C-alpha atoms as a PDB file:
ATOM      1  CA  UNK A   1      44.401  37.444  64.558  1.00  0.00           C
ATOM      2  CA  UNK A   2      41.320  37.531  62.204  1.00  0.00           C
ATOM      3  CA  UNK A   3      38.214  35.759  63.254  1.00  0.00           C
ATOM      4  CA  UNK A   4      36.794  33.399  60.653  1.00  0.00           C
ATOM      5  CA  UNK A   5      33.057  33.659  59.977  1.00  0.00           C
ATOM      6  CA  UNK A   6      33.094  30.511  56.834  1.00  0.00           C
ATOM      7  CA  UNK A   7      35.085  27.559  56.290  1.00  0.00           C
ATOM      8  CA  UNK A   8      35.521  26.416  52.764  1.00  0.00           C
ATOM      9  CA  UNK A   9      33.963  23.057  52.022  1.00  0.00           C
ATOM     10  CA  UNK A  10      34.661  22.322  48.406  1.00  0.00           C
ATOM     11  CA  UNK A  11      33.029  25.187  46.214  1.00  0.00           C
ATOM     12  CA  UNK A  12      30.605  26.479  48.763  1.00  0.00           C
ATOM     13  CA  UNK A  13      31.132  27.692  52.551  1.00  0.00           C
ATOM     14  CA  UNK A  14      29.290  26.933  55.555  1.00  0.00           C
ATOM     15  CA  UNK A  15      29.213  29.305  58.447  1.00  0.00           C
ATOM     16  CA  UNK A  16      31.164  28.647  61.460  1.00  0.00           C
ATOM     17  CA  UNK A  17      30.539  31.717  63.619  1.00  0.00           C
ATOM     18  CA  UNK A  18      27.634  33.915  64.853  1.00  0.00           C
ATOM     19  CA  UNK A  19      28.165  36.297  62.146  1.00  0.00           C
ATOM     20  CA  UNK A  20      28.228  33.719  59.619  1.00  0.00           C
ATOM     21  CA  UNK A  21      24.989  32.443  60.756  1.00  0.00           C
ATOM     22  CA  UNK A  22      23.481  35.756  61.186  1.00  0.00           C
ATOM     23  CA  UNK A  23      24.597  36.719  57.446  1.00  0.00           C
ATOM     24  CA  UNK A  24      23.622  33.578  56.066  1.00  0.00           C
ATOM     25  CA  UNK A  25      19.935  33.723  57.866  1.00  0.00           C
ATOM     26  CA  UNK A  26      19.498  37.335  56.851  1.00  0.00           C
ATOM     27  CA  UNK A  27      20.018  36.394  53.429  1.00  0.00           C
ATOM     28  CA  UNK A  28      18.470  33.244  52.757  1.00  0.00           C
ATOM     29  CA  UNK A  29      15.136  35.210  54.902  1.00  0.00           C
ATOM     30  CA  UNK A  30      15.134  37.994  51.983  1.00  0.00           C
ATOM     31  CA  UNK A  31      15.658  35.506  49.188  1.00  0.00           C
ATOM     32  CA  UNK A  32      12.250  34.039  50.590  1.00  0.00           C
ATOM     33  CA  UNK A  33      10.549  36.681  51.015  1.00  0.00           C
ATOM     34  CA  UNK A  34      11.640  38.132  47.745  1.00  0.00           C
ATOM     35  CA  UNK A  35      10.182  35.261  46.260  1.00  0.00           C
ATOM     36  CA  UNK A  36       6.720  35.361  48.109  1.00  0.00           C
ATOM     37  CA  UNK A  37       6.488  38.746  47.086  1.00  0.00           C
ATOM     38  CA  UNK A  38       7.100  38.158  43.500  1.00  0.00           C
ATOM     39  CA  UNK A  39       5.248  35.130  43.077  1.00  0.00           C
ATOM     40  CA  UNK A  40       1.959  36.561  44.389  1.00  0.00           C
ATOM     41  CA  UNK A  41       1.546  38.647  41.302  1.00  0.00           C
ATOM     42  CA  UNK A  42       3.217  36.140  38.576  1.00  0.00           C
ATOM     43  CA  UNK A  43       1.294  34.770  36.609  1.00  0.00           C
ATOM     44  CA  UNK A  44       3.360  32.146  35.859  1.00  0.00           C
ATOM     45  CA  UNK A  45       6.766  30.256  36.539  1.00  0.00           C
ATOM     46  CA  UNK A  46       8.604  32.454  33.894  1.00  0.00           C
ATOM     47  CA  UNK A  47       7.297  35.555  35.275  1.00  0.00           C
ATOM     48  CA  UNK A  48       8.315  34.316  38.841  1.00  0.00           C
ATOM     49  CA  UNK A  49      11.809  33.487  37.582  1.00  0.00           C
ATOM     50  CA  UNK A  50      12.263  36.858  35.629  1.00  0.00           C
ATOM     51  CA  UNK A  51      11.220  38.655  38.571  1.00  0.00           C
ATOM     52  CA  UNK A  52      13.228  37.240  41.456  1.00  0.00           C
ATOM     53  CA  UNK A  53      16.438  36.841  39.284  1.00  0.00           C
ATOM     54  CA  UNK A  54      17.305  40.423  39.717  1.00  0.00           C
ATOM     55  CA  UNK A  55      17.189  40.579  43.702  1.00  0.00           C
ATOM     56  CA  UNK A  56      18.392  36.704  44.864  1.00  0.00           C
ATOM     57  CA  UNK A  57      21.128  36.110  42.211  1.00  0.00           C
ATOM     58  CA  UNK A  58      23.236  39.343  43.605  1.00  0.00           C
ATOM     59  CA  UNK A  59      22.359  38.768  47.236  1.00  0.00           C
ATOM     60  CA  UNK A  60      23.613  34.845  46.859  1.00  0.00           C
ATOM     61  CA  UNK A  61      26.736  36.633  45.061  1.00  0.00           C
ATOM     62  CA  UNK A  62      27.238  39.002  48.031  1.00  0.00           C
ATOM     63  CA  UNK A  63      27.228  36.410  50.641  1.00  0.00           C
ATOM     64  CA  UNK A  64      29.740  34.217  48.724  1.00  0.00           C
ATOM     65  CA  UNK A  65      32.081  36.990  48.249  1.00  0.00           C
ATOM     66  CA  UNK A  66      31.598  38.012  51.717  1.00  0.00           C
ATOM     67  CA  UNK A  67      32.170  34.458  52.701  1.00  0.00           C
ATOM     68  CA  UNK A  68      35.350  34.194  50.277  1.00  0.00           C
ATOM     69  CA  UNK A  69      36.501  37.080  52.198  1.00  0.00           C
ATOM     70  CA  UNK A  70      36.162  35.950  55.859  1.00  0.00           C
ATOM     71  CA  UNK A  71      36.579  32.432  55.587  1.00  0.00           C
ATOM     72  CA  UNK A  72      39.203  30.085  57.249  1.00  0.00           C
ATOM     73  CA  UNK A  73      42.394  29.225  55.076  1.00  0.00           C
ATOM     74  CA  UNK A  74      43.549  25.789  55.140  1.00  0.00           C
ATOM     75  CA  UNK A  75      47.260  25.921  54.745  1.00  0.00           C
ATOM     76  CA  UNK A  76      48.522  24.227  51.683  1.00  0.00           C
ATOM     77  CA  UNK A  77      51.699  21.857  51.190  1.00  0.00           C
ATOM     78  CA  UNK A  78      53.681  22.930  47.916  1.00  0.00           C
ATOM     79  CA  UNK A  79      54.168  19.545  45.774  1.00  0.00           C
ATOM     80  CA  UNK A  80      57.140  18.309  46.025  1.00  0.00           C
ATOM     81  CA  UNK A  81      57.902  15.352  43.450  1.00  0.00           C
END
């Protein structure tokens, strides 16, 4: 049986195993570090947003993709009228 890393909660996922916690922590640390590094050289808010977009959005999308592939699937019951 495959061990689940994340559990689905509405449209988001939250980690339920150590692998999920490590992956989420690494992605969040990368996003914060990228934001701080780009914000130091930016002259305005729009410079910061344009600078972090190519790094933060793909990393979060990759995290969501991994979470969707390693999530705990709840059993669904068919609709019987």
